[in-house]
Every structure is written in structure tokens, then in C-alpha cells.
Amino acid sequence: MISLCFLEACKDPSIQVGAYLKQLNSNYRVGNSEYFIVEACEYVESYLKLFPKTEVILNIDNDHLDYFGTLENIIKSFANYVKLIPEDGLLVINWDDSNCRLLTKNTLAKVVTYGIQNENANFVARNITFNSNGFPTFDVYHNNNFYKTISLSVPGRHNVMNALATIAVCYEYGLEKEDIKKALLKYTGAHRRFEYKGTVNSAFIYDDYGHHPTEILATANALKQKNYNKSWVIFQPHTYSRTKNLLDDFANVLTNFDNIIVTDIYAARENNTYNISSKDLVNKINELGSKAMYISDFNEIVKYIKENVKPNDIVLTLGAGTVTNIGSMLVE
């Protein structure tokens, strides 16, 4: 979103983000200005190798526990990240997130906050409504003064929060309101972020990269703003350690879907030294009173969906691994 705003404002930024952006036809762009927009990652603390002038921190959650061990270690790491900002820099943080609020004491840079729940944030969204696609329109207030009405072309309250973070950055960099408004409306999502893939039996297929319970809950809540018949999720857990550590959380958030299929854990960088399998997750979901199925073979999943899905259902493939292939298999 920030990238598109800076492009709309003719700032000619260099860009390096973690997903394909159709407006760039790539995930990077080499510009000819002082602006370099980077999507940083906390895994193995790679973000501590950067030299940021501005940082945007959306939330701090219990992810990558195979590296960090505890949430407390993650918070300490983010504190070290914030210490990288120079005194004449900028920190933009989610004021609704209690872990983000802890970071202000770690910097002498200017702090700008945003939120929906916390009305004392600098940038606040009010009067949020959703259309039939689940796309939000909302009024932005800056220090309690009306700033602009914004409409998005991506679903969910989490994207309202993303837009507020973007607006805060762009405001501080002097971008015009109209450029920000136009760019945010043009943003139709990054690759594998609630991405529309096509239809099967008049049901709609989407694909999403969500592989942490908080991400899945945000996606589930975005889905609920859409008009549809029944929801289907095909979830591929990502890494044994994350599945083991967050098993209860995964089970709880997946009960937000009407029909749940879980396939094998995507190992990524790990060996299964954790004595965990997808069947453990299926059993946990069933214990909670929802009906989940374990299907290992992607072809069998495609066959089952085609035989059972109804018109106006929504099918969501979910996970950071090879589950993304199922959407294309269904559409084809």
C-alpha cells in the first residue's frame, strides 16, 4: 500500500516487498530517488541488518517460536529493531496492539500511532462499512479532526488497519490526500493475500498465505464480510514446530469455517522431531464441535471439493506451502 501511494505521488521509490505486486509486475522496483520501501522480516532477526529511517510495526505476535523460543524474546528483538531508528526518524505503530505500545520507550524518534479501538491514536478509522465483496469504506480522523473518507479494494478490518498505517507514513512524508486515496483504491492485494483464483461449480476459489492463527482469524473475519453460501477451507499447516506450539490456537480459528479440510504439514526447514501430525489438528477441531477432515492427497481434495461444493460457496486454500496449487487445480 505504501509503495502504491509513493508511486501515485510520483516519488519514484525503490521497492522490495515479499509478494508479487501486479502494479510492479514484480516484487521489486529500482527507482531514482532517496526513497527505498522495504518489507522487513523478524525471522532470524534479519531486520536488524537494515538501516531504517522509518519503521512501521503492525503487530507483535507469538510467531517463529522455533527461533525466538518465547514471546518475550520476540518483544525484546523488536525493541532492538526500534533502536535502529535515528532521532530524526519516524516510528509508526499499531496503538491497538499492547506489545507495540511497549516500544515507544526504545526510541527518541517521532512516534505516530493508528488504531480502530483506541480513539486516542493519531490516526483512527470510524464509520467502517463493508460492501458485498467485503471491501471497506471508512472515515479517517487525524488527531480527532476529519481527514478523508477512504475506500479499499481488499477485504477485512485488518486492511483498514493496514491502510491507517499507510496513511500515517504518507502524511508524515507530505503526500497529498488525493494521491493516497487513489492509490489505496487501486490496491487490489498482493499475490496470495485473499487472492481470487476463479470458480468451480459456480463456487468462488480464493488463495491466502495465512499460516499463523492471528493471520487466519483476520482472513476468516474478512471472509464473513462477503456474501456467500457456505465456506470451505483447505489448510496446510506450515512447519512442525509452529503446529505443535500453536495447535489449540489453530484449532480455534479454523472453527470459523463451515467445512474444514486439513492436509499434511509442510515441513519447510524442519524435520518432524515434534511428534505432531495434521491428524492431531483434525482431532482437536472435532473435539471443539466442528467437523474437520484429514485428506493427504491434493487430487483427492480436488475431487472431494468438486463433488460437494455448491453454487455461491467460497473455497479458501490456506497456508504458506504447496497448498496454493490446489486453487489452480480446482479452476482447471
Foldseek 3Di string as FASTA:
>chain_A
DLVLLCVLLVVFEWEAEDFQFVVVNGRTDDGDHPHYYYDDDCAVHPLLVDQDLEDEDEEQDPPNCVPQVGSVSSLVSVLSSQLSHDLQGEYEYEPVYPSRVVNPVSHNHHYAYEYAPDPQGQKYWPPWDADQLQWIWTWIHGRNHTDDIATAQEHFPSVVSVLSSSVVVCVVVPRDPVSSRVSRRVRNDGPQCQAWQADAQQATETGHADQALVSLLRVLRRVVSHDFDFEEEEEAHEAQVRCLVCLLSVLVSQLSGQEAEYEWHHHVPHDPPPPDTVVSSQVSNVVVVHHYYYDHDLVVVLVVCNVDPHNRYYYYYYHNDDSVVSSVVNRD
